Amino acid sequence: MTSWEREILVVLANHLRILSLAQLARTWWFGQEWGSRSARQSARALTKDGWLKTHQVLSRPVTPLAQPLVFWMRGNESPDFEELSRRLHKRARAEASVTTVVVATRKTRELFGSGGATGQIKLTQTTHDLHVGEVFLSYRQHNFDQRRWVGEDAFRDSWPIRQRPDALLLDEQGNFTRAVEYGGDYSVERLATLHDALARIGMSYEIW
């Protein structure tokens, strides 16, 4: 097992539900022409050895993400939810196609995990989960300490509100400091509800 393969297992065991082969190739094999082939070969070997499961799922095109559409913190004006909803609706209209994804097995989660990712694919939100992966990979590009990312499946029982963003970021003391959400085809009402809930507990947030 290479260091790259080990990192992929750690990410899937702790932080993300799924990643696509295309995301693996672009991130760990640097998008080279041979990257897709190498990613497939590694995924095949890790699957054979019981570290990963590979699935064919339907997903809308996965777009690399560079920065959030909205960042809010206490003291800022509320975002323009109508404009944001229009942008999200337009983005969600792309047609779905078959995509190959990988997910951590129970063996991987037990050896490399700390109670983060579930290892379960939610077929109704594969596009959403793959884009949550894009947000995580965008952070990774900027030397982000991956231990600061807490995925939705690993929230503490003490999380105080019903709304659960896709991830929370920790500060150096281990306190939740920012919520991260990938925006699906969200209505104005859904965006406003999420904002109100996070604002009520003073939580800064990003919507990508």
N, C-alpha and C. Protein backbone atom coordinates (compact mmCIF):
# COMPACT_ATOMS: atom_id res chain seq x y z
N MET A 1 0.84 -1.19 0.00
CA MET A 1 0.00 0.00 0.00
C MET A 1 0.89 1.25 0.00
N THR A 2 0.63 2.15 -0.96
CA THR A 2 1.41 3.38 -1.03
C THR A 2 0.89 4.41 -0.02
N SER A 3 1.67 5.48 0.18
CA SER A 3 1.23 6.55 1.09
C SER A 3 -0.02 7.23 0.55
N TRP A 4 -0.13 7.36 -0.78
CA TRP A 4 -1.32 7.95 -1.38
C TRP A 4 -2.54 7.09 -1.08
N GLU A 5 -2.40 5.78 -1.28
CA GLU A 5 -3.53 4.88 -1.03
C GLU A 5 -3.94 4.92 0.44
N ARG A 6 -2.95 4.99 1.32
CA ARG A 6 -3.26 5.07 2.74
C ARG A 6 -4.04 6.34 3.06
N GLU A 7 -3.64 7.47 2.46
CA GLU A 7 -4.36 8.71 2.71
C GLU A 7 -5.80 8.61 2.23
N ILE A 8 -6.03 8.01 1.07
CA ILE A 8 -7.38 7.83 0.55
C ILE A 8 -8.23 7.04 1.53
N LEU A 9 -7.65 5.99 2.09
CA LEU A 9 -8.39 5.18 3.06
C LEU A 9 -8.72 5.98 4.32
N VAL A 10 -7.76 6.78 4.79
CA VAL A 10 -7.99 7.60 5.98
C VAL A 10 -9.12 8.61 5.72
N VAL A 11 -9.10 9.23 4.55
CA VAL A 11 -10.12 10.22 4.21
C VAL A 11 -11.50 9.57 4.19
N LEU A 12 -11.61 8.42 3.54
CA LEU A 12 -12.91 7.76 3.43
C LEU A 12 -13.34 7.12 4.75
N ALA A 13 -12.40 6.78 5.59
CA ALA A 13 -12.75 6.19 6.89
C ALA A 13 -13.20 7.23 7.90
N ASN A 14 -12.85 8.51 7.66
CA ASN A 14 -13.10 9.53 8.67
C ASN A 14 -13.94 10.71 8.22
N HIS A 15 -13.80 11.12 6.96
CA HIS A 15 -14.31 12.43 6.58
C HIS A 15 -15.39 12.43 5.51
N LEU A 16 -15.36 11.50 4.56
CA LEU A 16 -16.26 11.54 3.42
C LEU A 16 -16.96 10.20 3.24
N ARG A 17 -18.16 10.25 2.69
CA ARG A 17 -18.89 9.01 2.42
C ARG A 17 -18.37 8.33 1.16
N ILE A 18 -18.14 9.11 0.11
CA ILE A 18 -17.73 8.54 -1.17
C ILE A 18 -16.77 9.49 -1.88
N LEU A 19 -16.01 8.92 -2.81
CA LEU A 19 -15.23 9.68 -3.78
C LEU A 19 -15.33 8.94 -5.11
N SER A 20 -15.25 9.68 -6.20
CA SER A 20 -15.28 9.06 -7.53
C SER A 20 -13.87 8.72 -7.98
N LEU A 21 -13.77 7.80 -8.93
CA LEU A 21 -12.46 7.48 -9.50
C LEU A 21 -11.85 8.72 -10.14
N ALA A 22 -12.68 9.56 -10.74
CA ALA A 22 -12.15 10.78 -11.35
C ALA A 22 -11.55 11.70 -10.30
N GLN A 23 -12.17 11.80 -9.13
CA GLN A 23 -11.62 12.62 -8.05
C GLN A 23 -10.30 12.04 -7.55
N LEU A 24 -10.22 10.72 -7.43
CA LEU A 24 -8.97 10.09 -7.02
C LEU A 24 -7.86 10.42 -8.00
N ALA A 25 -8.15 10.25 -9.29
CA ALA A 25 -7.13 10.47 -10.32
C ALA A 25 -6.66 11.92 -10.31
N ARG A 26 -7.58 12.86 -10.21
CA ARG A 26 -7.23 14.28 -10.26
C ARG A 26 -6.45 14.72 -9.03
N THR A 27 -6.77 14.12 -7.88
CA THR A 27 -6.18 14.59 -6.62
C THR A 27 -4.87 13.89 -6.30
N TRP A 28 -4.86 12.57 -6.37
CA TRP A 28 -3.68 11.82 -5.93
C TRP A 28 -2.77 11.40 -7.07
N TRP A 29 -3.27 11.48 -8.29
CA TRP A 29 -2.42 11.19 -9.44
C TRP A 29 -2.29 12.41 -10.35
N PHE A 30 -2.65 13.58 -9.80
CA PHE A 30 -2.33 14.88 -10.39
C PHE A 30 -2.90 15.10 -11.78
N GLY A 31 -3.97 14.39 -12.12
CA GLY A 31 -4.63 14.63 -13.39
C GLY A 31 -3.81 14.28 -14.61
N GLN A 32 -2.74 13.53 -14.44
CA GLN A 32 -1.93 13.13 -15.58
C GLN A 32 -2.71 12.19 -16.49
N GLU A 33 -2.25 12.04 -17.73
CA GLU A 33 -2.95 11.17 -18.67
C GLU A 33 -3.06 9.75 -18.14
N TRP A 34 -2.03 9.34 -17.41
CA TRP A 34 -2.05 7.98 -16.87
C TRP A 34 -2.76 7.90 -15.54
N GLY A 35 -3.24 9.06 -15.03
CA GLY A 35 -3.84 9.10 -13.71
C GLY A 35 -5.09 8.25 -13.59
N SER A 36 -5.97 8.34 -14.60
CA SER A 36 -7.21 7.56 -14.54
C SER A 36 -6.92 6.07 -14.49
N ARG A 37 -5.97 5.64 -15.28
CA ARG A 37 -5.62 4.21 -15.29
C ARG A 37 -5.04 3.80 -13.95
N SER A 38 -4.15 4.62 -13.40
CA SER A 38 -3.54 4.30 -12.11
C SER A 38 -4.57 4.30 -10.99
N ALA A 39 -5.50 5.25 -11.02
CA ALA A 39 -6.56 5.30 -10.00
C ALA A 39 -7.42 4.04 -10.07
N ARG A 40 -7.76 3.62 -11.27
CA ARG A 40 -8.56 2.39 -11.43
C ARG A 40 -7.80 1.19 -10.90
N GLN A 41 -6.51 1.11 -11.21
CA GLN A 41 -5.71 -0.02 -10.77
C GLN A 41 -5.61 -0.06 -9.25
N SER A 42 -5.39 1.10 -8.64
CA SER A 42 -5.30 1.15 -7.18
C SER A 42 -6.63 0.80 -6.54
N ALA A 43 -7.71 1.35 -7.08
CA ALA A 43 -9.04 1.05 -6.53
C ALA A 43 -9.35 -0.43 -6.66
N ARG A 44 -8.96 -1.02 -7.77
CA ARG A 44 -9.20 -2.45 -7.98
C ARG A 44 -8.41 -3.28 -6.97
N ALA A 45 -7.16 -2.89 -6.73
CA ALA A 45 -6.33 -3.64 -5.78
C ALA A 45 -6.84 -3.47 -4.36
N LEU A 46 -7.22 -2.25 -3.99
CA LEU A 46 -7.73 -2.01 -2.64
C LEU A 46 -9.07 -2.69 -2.42
N THR A 47 -9.86 -2.79 -3.48
CA THR A 47 -11.13 -3.52 -3.39
C THR A 47 -10.87 -5.02 -3.22
N LYS A 48 -9.94 -5.55 -3.98
CA LYS A 48 -9.60 -6.97 -3.89
C LYS A 48 -9.11 -7.33 -2.50
N ASP A 49 -8.37 -6.41 -1.87
CA ASP A 49 -7.81 -6.67 -0.54
C ASP A 49 -8.79 -6.33 0.59
N GLY A 50 -10.00 -5.90 0.24
CA GLY A 50 -11.02 -5.66 1.24
C GLY A 50 -11.01 -4.30 1.89
N TRP A 51 -10.29 -3.33 1.31
CA TRP A 51 -10.21 -2.00 1.89
C TRP A 51 -11.31 -1.07 1.36
N LEU A 52 -11.71 -1.26 0.12
CA LEU A 52 -12.71 -0.43 -0.52
C LEU A 52 -13.80 -1.28 -1.13
N LYS A 53 -14.96 -0.64 -1.33
CA LYS A 53 -16.02 -1.18 -2.18
C LYS A 53 -16.20 -0.22 -3.34
N THR A 54 -16.41 -0.77 -4.52
CA THR A 54 -16.60 0.04 -5.72
C THR A 54 -18.03 -0.11 -6.20
N HIS A 55 -18.66 1.00 -6.57
CA HIS A 55 -20.05 0.99 -7.01
C HIS A 55 -20.21 1.85 -8.26
N GLN A 56 -21.21 1.50 -9.06
CA GLN A 56 -21.66 2.33 -10.16
C GLN A 56 -22.92 3.06 -9.71
N VAL A 57 -22.92 4.38 -9.75
CA VAL A 57 -24.06 5.17 -9.29
C VAL A 57 -24.40 6.23 -10.32
N LEU A 58 -25.58 6.80 -10.19
CA LEU A 58 -25.97 7.93 -11.02
C LEU A 58 -25.59 9.23 -10.31
N SER A 59 -24.95 10.11 -11.03
CA SER A 59 -24.56 11.40 -10.46
C SER A 59 -24.56 12.45 -11.55
N ARG A 60 -24.94 13.66 -11.18
CA ARG A 60 -24.75 14.79 -12.09
C ARG A 60 -23.26 15.09 -12.17
N PRO A 61 -22.81 15.81 -13.19
CA PRO A 61 -21.37 16.10 -13.34
C PRO A 61 -20.80 16.75 -12.09
N VAL A 62 -19.63 16.29 -11.69
CA VAL A 62 -18.95 16.83 -10.52
C VAL A 62 -18.02 17.94 -10.97
N THR A 63 -18.23 19.13 -10.42
CA THR A 63 -17.48 20.32 -10.82
C THR A 63 -16.47 20.68 -9.75
N PRO A 64 -15.18 20.83 -10.10
CA PRO A 64 -14.21 21.29 -9.10
C PRO A 64 -14.63 22.63 -8.51
N LEU A 65 -14.46 22.78 -7.21
CA LEU A 65 -14.91 23.98 -6.50
C LEU A 65 -13.70 24.71 -5.93
N ALA A 66 -13.63 26.02 -6.15
CA ALA A 66 -12.48 26.80 -5.70
C ALA A 66 -12.77 27.62 -4.45
N GLN A 67 -14.01 28.08 -4.29
CA GLN A 67 -14.34 28.94 -3.15
C GLN A 67 -15.84 28.89 -2.91
N PRO A 68 -16.27 29.21 -1.70
CA PRO A 68 -17.71 29.17 -1.41
C PRO A 68 -18.47 30.27 -2.13
N LEU A 69 -19.74 29.99 -2.37
CA LEU A 69 -20.63 31.01 -2.94
C LEU A 69 -20.99 32.06 -1.90
N VAL A 70 -21.06 31.63 -0.66
CA VAL A 70 -21.46 32.52 0.44
C VAL A 70 -20.60 32.20 1.66
N PHE A 71 -20.11 33.24 2.33
CA PHE A 71 -19.53 33.08 3.65
C PHE A 71 -20.22 34.06 4.58
N TRP A 72 -20.70 33.55 5.71
CA TRP A 72 -21.39 34.41 6.68
C TRP A 72 -20.79 34.22 8.06
N MET A 73 -20.67 35.32 8.79
CA MET A 73 -20.26 35.26 10.19
C MET A 73 -21.06 36.29 10.96
N ARG A 74 -21.11 36.14 12.27
CA ARG A 74 -21.88 37.05 13.10
C ARG A 74 -21.46 38.49 12.85
N GLY A 75 -22.43 39.35 12.68
CA GLY A 75 -22.18 40.76 12.39
C GLY A 75 -22.37 41.10 10.93
N ASN A 76 -22.37 40.08 10.05
CA ASN A 76 -22.60 40.31 8.62
C ASN A 76 -24.09 40.41 8.33
N GLU A 77 -24.42 41.04 7.20
CA GLU A 77 -25.78 41.02 6.71
C GLU A 77 -26.15 39.61 6.26
N SER A 78 -27.44 39.29 6.31
CA SER A 78 -27.89 38.00 5.80
C SER A 78 -27.62 37.92 4.30
N PRO A 79 -27.27 36.75 3.77
CA PRO A 79 -27.07 36.61 2.33
C PRO A 79 -28.36 36.86 1.55
N ASP A 80 -28.21 37.06 0.25
CA ASP A 80 -29.36 37.20 -0.64
C ASP A 80 -29.82 35.79 -1.00
N PHE A 81 -30.78 35.27 -0.26
CA PHE A 81 -31.20 33.89 -0.44
C PHE A 81 -31.89 33.65 -1.78
N GLU A 82 -32.59 34.64 -2.29
CA GLU A 82 -33.26 34.48 -3.58
C GLU A 82 -32.24 34.30 -4.70
N GLU A 83 -31.22 35.13 -4.72
CA GLU A 83 -30.18 35.01 -5.73
C GLU A 83 -29.41 33.71 -5.57
N LEU A 84 -29.08 33.34 -4.34
CA LEU A 84 -28.36 32.10 -4.10
C LEU A 84 -29.19 30.90 -4.54
N SER A 85 -30.48 30.90 -4.24
CA SER A 85 -31.35 29.80 -4.65
C SER A 85 -31.41 29.67 -6.16
N ARG A 86 -31.46 30.80 -6.87
CA ARG A 86 -31.47 30.75 -8.34
C ARG A 86 -30.19 30.12 -8.86
N ARG A 87 -29.05 30.49 -8.28
CA ARG A 87 -27.77 29.92 -8.73
C ARG A 87 -27.71 28.42 -8.47
N LEU A 88 -28.19 28.03 -7.31
CA LEU A 88 -28.16 26.61 -6.97
C LEU A 88 -29.11 25.81 -7.86
N HIS A 89 -30.27 26.36 -8.15
CA HIS A 89 -31.24 25.67 -9.01
C HIS A 89 -30.65 25.48 -10.41
N LYS A 90 -30.01 26.52 -10.94
CA LYS A 90 -29.41 26.42 -12.27
C LYS A 90 -28.32 25.36 -12.27
N ARG A 91 -27.51 25.31 -11.24
CA ARG A 91 -26.41 24.34 -11.16
C ARG A 91 -26.92 22.91 -11.08
N ALA A 92 -28.09 22.72 -10.48
CA ALA A 92 -28.61 21.37 -10.25
C ALA A 92 -29.35 20.79 -11.45
N ARG A 93 -29.42 21.52 -12.55
CA ARG A 93 -30.22 21.07 -13.69
C ARG A 93 -29.46 20.13 -14.63
N ALA A 94 -28.18 19.94 -14.43
CA ALA A 94 -27.40 19.08 -15.32
C ALA A 94 -27.90 17.64 -15.27
N GLU A 95 -27.79 16.94 -16.38
CA GLU A 95 -28.27 15.56 -16.45
C GLU A 95 -27.30 14.62 -15.74
N ALA A 96 -27.85 13.56 -15.16
CA ALA A 96 -27.05 12.57 -14.44
C ALA A 96 -26.52 11.51 -15.41
N SER A 97 -25.40 10.91 -15.04
CA SER A 97 -24.83 9.80 -15.80
C SER A 97 -24.19 8.83 -14.82
N VAL A 98 -23.80 7.67 -15.32
CA VAL A 98 -23.21 6.64 -14.46
C VAL A 98 -21.79 7.04 -14.07
N THR A 99 -21.49 6.96 -12.80
CA THR A 99 -20.20 7.34 -12.24
C THR A 99 -19.69 6.22 -11.34
N THR A 100 -18.39 5.95 -11.41
CA THR A 100 -17.78 4.94 -10.55
C THR A 100 -17.27 5.60 -9.28
N VAL A 101 -17.70 5.09 -8.13
CA VAL A 101 -17.30 5.66 -6.84
C VAL A 101 -16.74 4.56 -5.95
N VAL A 102 -15.99 5.01 -4.93
CA VAL A 102 -15.45 4.07 -3.94
C VAL A 102 -15.90 4.51 -2.55
N VAL A 103 -16.00 3.54 -1.66
CA VAL A 103 -16.43 3.78 -0.29
C VAL A 103 -15.60 2.87 0.62
N ALA A 104 -15.32 3.33 1.82
CA ALA A 104 -14.53 2.54 2.77
C ALA A 104 -15.34 1.34 3.25
N THR A 105 -14.67 0.21 3.43
CA THR A 105 -15.29 -0.96 4.01
C THR A 105 -15.26 -0.87 5.54
N ARG A 106 -15.95 -1.79 6.16
CA ARG A 106 -15.93 -1.84 7.62
C ARG A 106 -14.50 -2.08 8.13
N LYS A 107 -13.76 -2.92 7.43
CA LYS A 107 -12.36 -3.19 7.79
C LYS A 107 -11.54 -1.90 7.79
N THR A 108 -11.72 -1.07 6.78
CA THR A 108 -10.99 0.20 6.69
C THR A 108 -11.40 1.15 7.80
N ARG A 109 -12.69 1.24 8.06
CA ARG A 109 -13.17 2.15 9.11
C ARG A 109 -12.67 1.72 10.48
N GLU A 110 -12.60 0.41 10.71
CA GLU A 110 -12.13 -0.07 12.01
C GLU A 110 -10.64 0.18 12.20
N LEU A 111 -9.85 0.05 11.14
CA LEU A 111 -8.41 0.20 11.26
C LEU A 111 -7.95 1.65 11.17
N PHE A 112 -8.57 2.43 10.27
CA PHE A 112 -8.11 3.78 10.00
C PHE A 112 -9.06 4.86 10.54
N GLY A 113 -10.24 4.49 10.95
CA GLY A 113 -11.25 5.48 11.30
C GLY A 113 -11.35 5.77 12.77
N SER A 114 -12.10 6.83 13.05
CA SER A 114 -12.36 7.21 14.44
C SER A 114 -13.83 7.57 14.62
N GLY A 115 -14.68 6.85 13.90
CA GLY A 115 -16.12 7.10 14.03
C GLY A 115 -16.64 8.16 13.11
N GLY A 116 -15.99 8.41 11.96
CA GLY A 116 -16.41 9.47 11.05
C GLY A 116 -17.38 8.99 10.00
N ALA A 117 -16.89 8.72 8.80
CA ALA A 117 -17.75 8.35 7.68
C ALA A 117 -18.45 7.03 7.97
N THR A 118 -19.63 6.84 7.36
CA THR A 118 -20.46 5.68 7.65
C THR A 118 -20.17 4.49 6.75
N GLY A 119 -19.59 4.73 5.58
CA GLY A 119 -19.41 3.64 4.64
C GLY A 119 -20.67 3.28 3.88
N GLN A 120 -21.72 4.09 4.02
CA GLN A 120 -22.98 3.82 3.35
C GLN A 120 -23.23 4.85 2.24
N ILE A 121 -23.65 4.36 1.07
CA ILE A 121 -24.00 5.25 -0.03
C ILE A 121 -25.48 5.57 0.06
N LYS A 122 -25.81 6.85 0.00
CA LYS A 122 -27.20 7.27 -0.06
C LYS A 122 -27.51 7.60 -1.52
N LEU A 123 -28.22 6.69 -2.19
CA LEU A 123 -28.40 6.80 -3.63
C LEU A 123 -29.14 8.07 -4.03
N THR A 124 -29.89 8.65 -3.11
CA THR A 124 -30.63 9.87 -3.45
C THR A 124 -29.77 11.12 -3.40
N GLN A 125 -28.53 11.01 -2.91
CA GLN A 125 -27.70 12.21 -2.79
C GLN A 125 -26.25 11.96 -3.18
N THR A 126 -26.03 11.12 -4.19
CA THR A 126 -24.66 10.86 -4.61
C THR A 126 -24.01 12.12 -5.18
N THR A 127 -24.75 12.91 -5.95
CA THR A 127 -24.19 14.15 -6.48
C THR A 127 -23.78 15.07 -5.34
N HIS A 128 -24.65 15.17 -4.34
CA HIS A 128 -24.37 16.03 -3.19
C HIS A 128 -23.12 15.54 -2.46
N ASP A 129 -23.05 14.25 -2.16
CA ASP A 129 -21.92 13.72 -1.39
C ASP A 129 -20.60 13.84 -2.16
N LEU A 130 -20.64 13.66 -3.48
CA LEU A 130 -19.42 13.83 -4.26
C LEU A 130 -18.96 15.29 -4.24
N HIS A 131 -19.89 16.22 -4.22
CA HIS A 131 -19.48 17.63 -4.15
C HIS A 131 -19.02 18.03 -2.76
N VAL A 132 -19.55 17.39 -1.72
CA VAL A 132 -18.96 17.58 -0.40
C VAL A 132 -17.50 17.15 -0.45
N GLY A 133 -17.24 16.06 -1.17
CA GLY A 133 -15.86 15.65 -1.39
C GLY A 133 -15.05 16.71 -2.09
N GLU A 134 -15.65 17.40 -3.06
CA GLU A 134 -14.95 18.47 -3.76
C GLU A 134 -14.57 19.61 -2.81
N VAL A 135 -15.47 19.93 -1.90
CA VAL A 135 -15.15 20.97 -0.93
C VAL A 135 -13.96 20.54 -0.07
N PHE A 136 -14.01 19.31 0.41
CA PHE A 136 -12.91 18.78 1.22
C PHE A 136 -11.60 18.81 0.43
N LEU A 137 -11.63 18.40 -0.83
CA LEU A 137 -10.42 18.38 -1.64
C LEU A 137 -9.91 19.80 -1.93
N SER A 138 -10.82 20.76 -2.03
CA SER A 138 -10.40 22.15 -2.19
C SER A 138 -9.64 22.62 -0.96
N TYR A 139 -10.14 22.29 0.22
CA TYR A 139 -9.41 22.61 1.45
C TYR A 139 -8.05 21.91 1.46
N ARG A 140 -8.02 20.67 1.05
CA ARG A 140 -6.78 19.89 1.06
C ARG A 140 -5.69 20.57 0.24
N GLN A 141 -6.08 21.20 -0.86
CA GLN A 141 -5.11 21.86 -1.74
C GLN A 141 -4.38 23.00 -1.03
N HIS A 142 -4.95 23.49 0.05
CA HIS A 142 -4.37 24.65 0.75
C HIS A 142 -3.76 24.24 2.09
N ASN A 143 -3.19 23.04 2.10
CA ASN A 143 -2.46 22.54 3.29
C ASN A 143 -3.34 22.52 4.54
N PHE A 144 -4.58 22.18 4.36
CA PHE A 144 -5.54 22.12 5.45
C PHE A 144 -5.27 20.90 6.31
N ASP A 145 -5.32 21.07 7.63
CA ASP A 145 -5.19 19.95 8.55
C ASP A 145 -6.50 19.16 8.52
N GLN A 146 -6.46 17.99 7.90
CA GLN A 146 -7.68 17.24 7.69
C GLN A 146 -8.37 16.82 8.98
N ARG A 147 -7.64 16.79 10.06
CA ARG A 147 -8.24 16.43 11.35
C ARG A 147 -9.22 17.48 11.82
N ARG A 148 -9.18 18.67 11.24
CA ARG A 148 -10.10 19.74 11.62
C ARG A 148 -11.46 19.60 10.95
N TRP A 149 -11.60 18.66 10.00
CA TRP A 149 -12.85 18.46 9.27
C TRP A 149 -13.66 17.36 9.96
N VAL A 150 -14.86 17.68 10.38
CA VAL A 150 -15.75 16.71 11.00
C VAL A 150 -16.98 16.57 10.12
N GLY A 151 -17.12 15.42 9.48
CA GLY A 151 -18.26 15.19 8.61
C GLY A 151 -19.55 15.04 9.38
N GLU A 152 -20.65 15.22 8.68
CA GLU A 152 -21.98 15.18 9.30
C GLU A 152 -22.21 13.91 10.11
N ASP A 153 -21.70 12.79 9.64
CA ASP A 153 -21.95 11.52 10.32
C ASP A 153 -21.21 11.41 11.65
N ALA A 154 -20.28 12.32 11.90
CA ALA A 154 -19.48 12.24 13.13
C ALA A 154 -19.76 13.38 14.11
N PHE A 155 -20.89 14.08 13.91
CA PHE A 155 -21.22 15.16 14.84
C PHE A 155 -21.43 14.60 16.24
N ARG A 156 -21.05 15.40 17.22
CA ARG A 156 -21.27 15.01 18.60
C ARG A 156 -22.77 14.96 18.92
N ASP A 157 -23.12 14.14 19.88
CA ASP A 157 -24.52 14.06 20.31
C ASP A 157 -25.01 15.40 20.85
N SER A 158 -24.08 16.23 21.28
CA SER A 158 -24.45 17.51 21.87
C SER A 158 -24.71 18.60 20.82
N TRP A 159 -24.60 18.26 19.51
CA TRP A 159 -24.88 19.26 18.48
C TRP A 159 -26.25 19.86 18.75
N PRO A 160 -26.36 21.21 18.91
CA PRO A 160 -27.54 21.79 19.56
C PRO A 160 -28.75 22.05 18.67
N ILE A 161 -28.65 21.91 17.34
CA ILE A 161 -29.79 22.25 16.49
C ILE A 161 -30.14 21.07 15.59
N ARG A 162 -31.36 21.11 15.05
CA ARG A 162 -31.82 20.01 14.20
C ARG A 162 -31.10 20.00 12.86
N GLN A 163 -30.83 21.17 12.30
CA GLN A 163 -30.15 21.26 11.02
C GLN A 163 -28.71 20.74 11.15
N ARG A 164 -28.30 19.90 10.22
CA ARG A 164 -26.95 19.32 10.26
C ARG A 164 -26.24 19.66 8.95
N PRO A 165 -25.33 20.62 8.96
CA PRO A 165 -24.57 20.92 7.75
C PRO A 165 -23.70 19.74 7.36
N ASP A 166 -23.11 19.81 6.18
CA ASP A 166 -22.33 18.67 5.67
C ASP A 166 -21.06 18.44 6.48
N ALA A 167 -20.51 19.47 7.06
CA ALA A 167 -19.28 19.32 7.86
C ALA A 167 -19.16 20.50 8.81
N LEU A 168 -18.34 20.30 9.83
CA LEU A 168 -17.95 21.37 10.74
C LEU A 168 -16.43 21.42 10.79
N LEU A 169 -15.90 22.62 10.93
CA LEU A 169 -14.46 22.81 11.07
C LEU A 169 -14.13 23.11 12.52
N LEU A 170 -13.04 22.52 12.99
CA LEU A 170 -12.59 22.72 14.37
C LEU A 170 -11.49 23.77 14.43
N ASP A 171 -11.44 24.51 15.54
CA ASP A 171 -10.30 25.39 15.76
C ASP A 171 -9.19 24.62 16.46
N GLU A 172 -8.12 25.29 16.81
CA GLU A 172 -6.96 24.61 17.39
C GLU A 172 -7.27 23.99 18.75
N GLN A 173 -8.31 24.47 19.40
CA GLN A 173 -8.69 23.93 20.71
C GLN A 173 -9.72 22.81 20.58
N GLY A 174 -10.09 22.48 19.35
CA GLY A 174 -11.05 21.40 19.14
C GLY A 174 -12.50 21.82 19.23
N ASN A 175 -12.77 23.13 19.18
CA ASN A 175 -14.14 23.63 19.23
C ASN A 175 -14.67 23.85 17.81
N PHE A 176 -15.96 23.61 17.61
CA PHE A 176 -16.56 23.87 16.31
C PHE A 176 -16.51 25.37 16.04
N THR A 177 -15.98 25.73 14.86
CA THR A 177 -15.82 27.15 14.56
C THR A 177 -16.51 27.59 13.28
N ARG A 178 -16.83 26.64 12.38
CA ARG A 178 -17.48 27.01 11.12
C ARG A 178 -18.22 25.81 10.55
N ALA A 179 -19.39 26.07 9.99
CA ALA A 179 -20.17 25.04 9.31
C ALA A 179 -19.91 25.13 7.81
N VAL A 180 -19.92 23.99 7.15
CA VAL A 180 -19.69 23.91 5.71
C VAL A 180 -20.85 23.15 5.08
N GLU A 181 -21.43 23.72 4.04
CA GLU A 181 -22.56 23.09 3.36
C GLU A 181 -22.37 23.20 1.85
N TYR A 182 -22.60 22.09 1.14
CA TYR A 182 -22.69 22.16 -0.32
C TYR A 182 -24.15 22.37 -0.68
N GLY A 183 -24.41 23.39 -1.45
CA GLY A 183 -25.79 23.76 -1.77
C GLY A 183 -26.35 22.94 -2.91
N GLY A 184 -27.37 22.14 -2.62
CA GLY A 184 -28.10 21.44 -3.66
C GLY A 184 -29.17 22.36 -4.24
N ASP A 185 -30.23 21.78 -4.74
CA ASP A 185 -31.31 22.57 -5.32
C ASP A 185 -32.19 23.08 -4.18
N TYR A 186 -31.66 24.05 -3.43
CA TYR A 186 -32.29 24.51 -2.20
C TYR A 186 -33.24 25.68 -2.47
N SER A 187 -34.37 25.63 -1.81
CA SER A 187 -35.32 26.74 -1.89
C SER A 187 -34.86 27.90 -1.01
N VAL A 188 -35.47 29.05 -1.22
CA VAL A 188 -35.18 30.20 -0.38
C VAL A 188 -35.49 29.87 1.07
N GLU A 189 -36.60 29.18 1.29
CA GLU A 189 -37.01 28.83 2.65
C GLU A 189 -35.98 27.93 3.33
N ARG A 190 -35.46 26.95 2.59
CA ARG A 190 -34.47 26.05 3.19
C ARG A 190 -33.19 26.80 3.55
N LEU A 191 -32.75 27.68 2.67
CA LEU A 191 -31.54 28.46 2.95
C LEU A 191 -31.75 29.37 4.16
N ALA A 192 -32.91 30.01 4.23
CA ALA A 192 -33.19 30.90 5.35
C ALA A 192 -33.28 30.13 6.67
N THR A 193 -33.85 28.94 6.62
CA THR A 193 -33.96 28.12 7.84
C THR A 193 -32.59 27.71 8.33
N LEU A 194 -31.72 27.29 7.40
CA LEU A 194 -30.36 26.91 7.78
C LEU A 194 -29.62 28.11 8.38
N HIS A 195 -29.75 29.26 7.73
CA HIS A 195 -29.09 30.47 8.23
C HIS A 195 -29.58 30.81 9.64
N ASP A 196 -30.88 30.81 9.83
CA ASP A 196 -31.44 31.20 11.13
C ASP A 196 -30.95 30.27 12.23
N ALA A 197 -30.90 28.97 11.94
CA ALA A 197 -30.47 28.01 12.95
C ALA A 197 -29.01 28.20 13.32
N LEU A 198 -28.16 28.38 12.32
CA LEU A 198 -26.73 28.56 12.60
C LEU A 198 -26.46 29.91 13.25
N ALA A 199 -27.18 30.95 12.81
CA ALA A 199 -27.00 32.27 13.41
C ALA A 199 -27.42 32.26 14.87
N ARG A 200 -28.44 31.47 15.19
CA ARG A 200 -28.94 31.43 16.56
C ARG A 200 -27.88 30.91 17.53
N ILE A 201 -27.00 30.01 17.05
CA ILE A 201 -25.93 29.50 17.92
C ILE A 201 -24.60 30.19 17.64
N GLY A 202 -24.64 31.25 16.81
CA GLY A 202 -23.44 32.04 16.55
C GLY A 202 -22.40 31.32 15.71
N MET A 203 -22.85 30.39 14.83
CA MET A 203 -21.92 29.60 14.03
C MET A 203 -21.71 30.22 12.66
N SER A 204 -20.48 30.59 12.33
CA SER A 204 -20.15 31.02 10.98
C SER A 204 -20.39 29.88 10.01
N TYR A 205 -20.65 30.21 8.73
CA TYR A 205 -20.86 29.12 7.78
C TYR A 205 -20.46 29.52 6.37
N GLU A 206 -20.23 28.50 5.58
CA GLU A 206 -19.97 28.62 4.14
C GLU A 206 -20.99 27.79 3.39
N ILE A 207 -21.46 28.29 2.26
CA ILE A 207 -22.25 27.50 1.33
C ILE A 207 -21.50 27.50 0.01
N TRP A 208 -21.18 26.30 -0.48
CA TRP A 208 -20.42 26.13 -1.70
C TRP A 208 -21.35 25.81 -2.85
